[in-house]
Amino acid sequence: MTTKRSRLVRALSAVAVLMPGMMYLATPGAAAVLVLESGVQGIAAHDELADDRHISIPFGRRLLVSVPKGERMRQVEIRGKREGTVKQLLEPESMPQRLWQLAVELVKNGGASQSQKAAGRGARVLVEQVPVLGARTVCVEPGRLPVISLANDPDVTKVVLRVHDGASAPSGAIELTRRAPRAAWPSSIAPRDKGLYRLIESGHPVIDLTVRLLPAGTLERVPAFSALDELQRAGCTAQLEAAMWRGIRTDK
């Protein structure tokens, strides 16, 4: 009898949280999280996941789960691409070493690397808020046209340019002024991944612009490390540095 009672006491002491309609047991193999929303194949809302279960979340997919913390439940969103046990995925994402090195350089230089400061110097036009001069790469997502705007230079009051892609007829004239400093990318020239476009303004150096198409949802996930990693892999250095600097300066 004493042995049975001891076992019962130990079993009851394993209960970490009791809430209406749900029990969480802090024992090996017991449910660690309750799934609230799922975009992962094979995992449905209301599923209970053990902390040692191995799962893979593809890029662009997510899990919204509820986990016990102290005497409360809290929601945690896990976005792909990530893979590991449930316990591992609940831990904060680790920062790749190359991103850490860039963060150190940004702090030392006040928000921009020396190469990016030099690359943007003298630019008359921005594409996706990136100063473009000479050869430049910008990232967008499928179905979204880049935005072209006038540079933040008081000496630049008007720019008239055309976009060429080498395959179709040049775009019509795009005029940017202080009164109307922004314009949409010409709809007649659809951006394609790794596409090279020439922005030509009479009397000024030609701009060679490479466009990279990121997986849908990448830019809205910035400054998550996985999204920053995508920007870096695509070669969109200016957007990467701007996103990282915003993350460094934001304390929320």
Protein backbone atom coordinates (compact mmCIF):
# COMPACT_ATOMS: atom_id res chain seq x y z
CA MET A 1 0.00 0.00 0.00
CA THR A 2 2.81 2.37 0.93
CA THR A 3 4.55 1.66 -2.36
CA LYS A 4 1.39 2.32 -4.36
CA ARG A 5 0.76 5.56 -2.47
CA SER A 6 4.35 6.71 -3.08
CA ARG A 7 3.94 6.07 -6.77
CA LEU A 8 0.71 8.04 -6.80
CA VAL A 9 2.34 10.98 -5.01
CA ARG A 10 5.22 11.00 -7.49
CA ALA A 11 2.81 10.87 -10.43
CA LEU A 12 0.74 13.74 -9.09
CA SER A 13 3.85 15.82 -8.41
CA ALA A 14 4.71 15.58 -12.13
CA VAL A 15 1.69 17.71 -12.98
CA ALA A 16 3.06 21.16 -13.85
CA VAL A 17 -0.05 22.98 -15.01
CA LEU A 18 -3.76 22.21 -14.72
CA MET A 19 -6.14 24.18 -16.89
CA PRO A 20 -9.74 23.48 -17.97
CA GLY A 21 -9.69 20.72 -20.55
CA MET A 22 -5.91 20.30 -20.57
CA MET A 23 -3.21 18.63 -18.50
CA TYR A 24 0.52 19.14 -18.96
CA LEU A 25 2.80 16.47 -17.49
CA ALA A 26 6.45 17.32 -16.93
CA THR A 27 7.62 13.74 -17.41
CA PRO A 28 9.82 12.30 -20.18
CA GLY A 29 7.82 11.71 -23.37
CA ALA A 30 4.80 13.64 -22.10
CA ALA A 31 3.19 16.40 -24.10
CA ALA A 32 5.39 19.50 -24.08
CA VAL A 33 3.25 21.84 -26.17
CA LEU A 34 -0.29 22.19 -27.44
CA VAL A 35 -0.62 23.19 -31.10
CA LEU A 36 -2.91 26.17 -31.66
CA GLU A 37 -2.30 26.72 -35.40
CA SER A 38 -0.30 24.66 -37.86
CA GLY A 39 1.04 25.14 -41.36
CA VAL A 40 3.10 21.94 -41.18
CA GLN A 41 2.01 18.76 -42.88
CA GLY A 42 1.27 15.98 -40.42
CA ILE A 43 0.66 18.32 -37.49
CA ALA A 44 -2.85 19.63 -36.80
CA ALA A 45 -4.32 22.22 -34.48
CA HIS A 46 -5.00 20.75 -31.02
CA ASP A 47 -2.24 18.14 -31.41
CA GLU A 48 -0.04 17.56 -28.36
CA LEU A 49 3.68 17.34 -29.12
CA ALA A 50 6.24 15.66 -26.88
CA ASP A 51 9.46 17.58 -26.31
CA ASP A 52 11.52 14.79 -27.91
CA ARG A 53 9.47 14.68 -31.12
CA HIS A 54 11.54 15.57 -34.18
CA ILE A 55 9.79 17.88 -36.66
CA SER A 56 10.75 19.82 -39.78
CA ILE A 57 9.13 23.19 -40.59
CA PRO A 58 9.61 24.23 -44.24
CA PHE A 59 10.44 27.81 -45.17
CA GLY A 60 7.32 29.97 -45.18
CA ARG A 61 5.42 27.63 -42.83
CA ARG A 62 4.88 28.02 -39.08
CA LEU A 63 3.57 26.50 -35.88
CA LEU A 64 1.78 28.49 -33.18
CA VAL A 65 1.93 26.58 -29.92
CA SER A 66 1.02 27.07 -26.29
CA VAL A 67 3.62 26.12 -23.68
CA PRO A 68 3.61 26.28 -19.88
CA LYS A 69 5.85 28.83 -18.24
CA GLY A 70 5.72 29.05 -14.46
CA GLU A 71 2.05 29.19 -13.53
CA ARG A 72 0.92 30.51 -16.90
CA MET A 73 0.61 29.42 -20.49
CA ARG A 74 2.29 31.44 -23.21
CA GLN A 75 2.14 31.36 -26.99
CA VAL A 76 5.24 30.73 -29.07
CA GLU A 77 5.45 31.04 -32.85
CA ILE A 78 8.00 28.82 -34.58
CA ARG A 79 8.69 29.79 -38.21
CA GLY A 80 10.54 27.76 -40.81
CA LYS A 81 12.93 26.91 -42.07
CA ARG A 82 13.84 25.02 -38.89
CA GLU A 83 14.33 21.39 -37.94
CA GLY A 84 14.91 19.55 -34.68
CA THR A 85 13.11 18.28 -31.60
CA VAL A 86 10.26 20.30 -30.14
CA LYS A 87 12.51 21.19 -27.20
CA GLN A 88 15.21 22.49 -29.56
CA LEU A 89 12.76 24.53 -31.64
CA LEU A 90 11.42 26.25 -28.53
CA GLU A 91 14.88 27.63 -27.85
CA PRO A 92 15.88 31.00 -29.38
CA GLU A 93 17.32 30.78 -32.88
CA SER A 94 21.10 30.90 -32.88
CA MET A 95 22.82 33.66 -34.87
CA PRO A 96 25.07 32.50 -37.72
CA GLN A 97 28.70 33.54 -37.23
CA ARG A 98 28.79 35.56 -40.47
CA LEU A 99 25.79 37.63 -39.31
CA TRP A 100 27.45 38.19 -35.94
CA GLN A 101 30.58 39.48 -37.67
CA LEU A 102 28.47 41.87 -39.73
CA ALA A 103 26.66 43.09 -36.61
CA VAL A 104 30.01 43.88 -34.99
CA GLU A 105 31.08 45.86 -38.07
CA LEU A 106 27.79 47.80 -38.15
CA VAL A 107 28.13 48.83 -34.51
CA LYS A 108 31.71 49.93 -35.08
CA ASN A 109 30.75 52.01 -38.14
CA GLY A 110 27.47 53.46 -36.91
CA GLY A 111 25.04 51.50 -39.06
CA ALA A 112 26.75 50.83 -42.39
CA SER A 113 29.86 48.98 -43.48
CA GLN A 114 32.57 50.97 -45.20
CA SER A 115 31.83 49.21 -48.51
CA GLN A 116 28.14 50.15 -48.37
CA LYS A 117 28.88 53.78 -47.53
CA ALA A 118 31.15 53.97 -50.58
CA ALA A 119 28.67 52.13 -52.83
CA GLY A 120 25.82 54.54 -52.04
CA ARG A 121 27.81 57.76 -52.26
CA GLY A 122 26.57 59.96 -55.13
CA ALA A 123 23.46 57.89 -55.89
CA ARG A 124 20.57 59.83 -57.48
CA VAL A 125 18.02 57.02 -57.29
CA LEU A 126 16.86 54.47 -54.70
CA VAL A 127 15.33 51.09 -55.50
CA GLU A 128 13.57 49.50 -52.52
CA GLN A 129 15.24 52.23 -50.41
CA VAL A 130 18.67 51.03 -51.60
CA PRO A 131 20.94 53.71 -53.14
CA VAL A 132 21.78 52.42 -56.62
CA LEU A 133 24.89 53.48 -58.46
CA GLY A 134 27.02 51.38 -60.78
CA ALA A 135 26.23 47.70 -60.09
CA ARG A 136 23.72 46.89 -57.33
CA THR A 137 21.53 44.01 -56.14
CA VAL A 138 18.10 44.34 -54.53
CA CYS A 139 15.71 41.71 -53.18
CA VAL A 140 11.94 41.60 -53.66
CA GLU A 141 9.29 38.93 -53.33
CA PRO A 142 7.35 37.32 -56.20
CA GLY A 143 4.38 39.35 -57.39
CA ARG A 144 5.67 42.62 -55.95
CA LEU A 145 7.19 45.33 -58.14
CA PRO A 146 10.19 47.24 -56.77
CA VAL A 147 9.67 50.88 -55.84
CA ILE A 148 11.93 53.49 -57.44
CA SER A 149 12.42 56.75 -55.58
CA LEU A 150 14.48 59.92 -55.57
CA ALA A 151 17.65 59.89 -53.48
CA ASN A 152 17.76 61.88 -50.22
CA ASP A 153 20.14 64.42 -51.71
CA PRO A 154 19.04 68.09 -51.72
CA ASP A 155 21.01 68.63 -54.92
CA VAL A 156 18.96 65.97 -56.73
CA THR A 157 15.58 67.52 -57.52
CA LYS A 158 14.58 65.66 -60.68
CA VAL A 159 15.45 62.37 -62.36
CA VAL A 160 14.06 61.03 -65.64
CA LEU A 161 15.09 57.47 -66.47
CA ARG A 162 14.09 54.37 -68.41
CA VAL A 163 14.39 50.70 -67.48
CA HIS A 164 15.86 48.21 -69.97
CA ASP A 165 16.07 44.43 -69.56
CA GLY A 166 17.67 43.51 -72.90
CA ALA A 167 14.73 41.32 -73.90
CA SER A 168 11.78 43.68 -74.26
CA ALA A 169 11.33 47.26 -75.36
CA PRO A 170 12.58 49.90 -72.90
CA SER A 171 10.04 51.21 -70.44
CA GLY A 172 8.43 54.58 -70.80
CA ALA A 173 10.08 57.52 -69.09
CA ILE A 174 9.92 57.42 -65.27
CA GLU A 175 10.04 60.90 -63.77
CA LEU A 176 10.91 61.50 -60.12
CA THR A 177 10.66 64.94 -58.52
CA ARG A 178 10.52 66.39 -55.02
CA ARG A 179 6.74 66.66 -55.42
CA ALA A 180 6.43 63.09 -56.69
CA PRO A 181 9.56 61.28 -55.40
CA ARG A 182 8.34 57.69 -55.90
CA ALA A 183 7.27 55.58 -58.84
CA ALA A 184 6.40 51.94 -59.38
CA TRP A 185 8.62 49.64 -61.40
CA PRO A 186 7.32 49.53 -65.01
CA SER A 187 4.63 46.85 -65.27
CA SER A 188 5.76 45.98 -68.81
CA ILE A 189 9.03 44.57 -67.42
CA ALA A 190 8.36 41.80 -64.92
CA PRO A 191 11.20 41.26 -62.42
CA ARG A 192 12.74 37.79 -62.61
CA ASP A 193 15.21 36.13 -60.28
CA LYS A 194 18.81 37.04 -61.14
CA GLY A 195 17.49 39.35 -63.88
CA LEU A 196 19.82 42.16 -64.92
CA TYR A 197 18.20 45.54 -65.63
CA ARG A 198 19.76 48.77 -66.81
CA LEU A 199 18.47 52.07 -65.44
CA ILE A 200 19.47 54.76 -67.91
CA GLU A 201 19.34 58.51 -67.23
CA SER A 202 20.63 60.84 -69.93
CA GLY A 203 23.94 62.42 -68.98
CA HIS A 204 24.58 60.11 -66.02
CA PRO A 205 26.31 56.73 -65.52
CA VAL A 206 24.24 53.65 -66.34
CA ILE A 207 22.99 51.64 -63.33
CA ASP A 208 23.22 47.83 -63.63
CA LEU A 209 20.60 46.44 -61.27
CA THR A 210 20.30 42.75 -60.41
CA VAL A 211 16.96 41.68 -58.92
CA ARG A 212 16.70 38.63 -56.65
CA LEU A 213 13.35 37.05 -55.85
CA LEU A 214 13.10 35.73 -52.28
CA PRO A 215 10.61 33.11 -51.06
CA ALA A 216 7.26 34.70 -50.24
CA GLY A 217 7.11 36.00 -46.67
CA THR A 218 10.86 36.48 -46.22
CA LEU A 219 10.89 40.26 -45.93
CA GLU A 220 8.04 40.40 -43.44
CA ARG A 221 10.02 38.03 -41.20
CA VAL A 222 13.01 40.38 -40.98
CA PRO A 223 14.91 40.68 -38.63
CA ALA A 224 14.60 36.92 -37.90
CA PHE A 225 18.01 35.33 -38.41
CA SER A 226 16.73 32.94 -41.09
CA ALA A 227 15.34 35.88 -43.11
CA LEU A 228 18.59 37.84 -42.73
CA ASP A 229 20.45 34.77 -43.88
CA GLU A 230 18.31 34.68 -47.05
CA LEU A 231 19.18 38.32 -47.78
CA GLN A 232 22.86 37.59 -47.32
CA ARG A 233 22.79 34.50 -49.54
CA ALA A 234 21.03 36.49 -52.27
CA GLY A 235 23.68 39.21 -52.16
CA CYS A 236 21.29 41.97 -51.06
CA THR A 237 23.88 43.50 -48.77
CA ALA A 238 22.39 46.98 -48.39
CA GLN A 239 18.97 45.63 -47.36
CA LEU A 240 20.65 43.16 -45.01
CA GLU A 241 22.66 45.87 -43.26
CA ALA A 242 19.64 48.18 -42.95
CA ALA A 243 17.53 45.38 -41.46
CA MET A 244 20.23 44.34 -39.01
CA TRP A 245 20.82 47.90 -37.89
CA ARG A 246 17.10 48.38 -37.22
CA GLY A 247 17.17 45.18 -35.17
CA ILE A 248 20.21 46.34 -33.20
CA ARG A 249 18.66 49.74 -32.48
CA THR A 250 15.25 48.35 -31.49
CA ASP A 251 14.92 47.30 -27.88
CA LYS A 252 11.51 45.69 -28.16
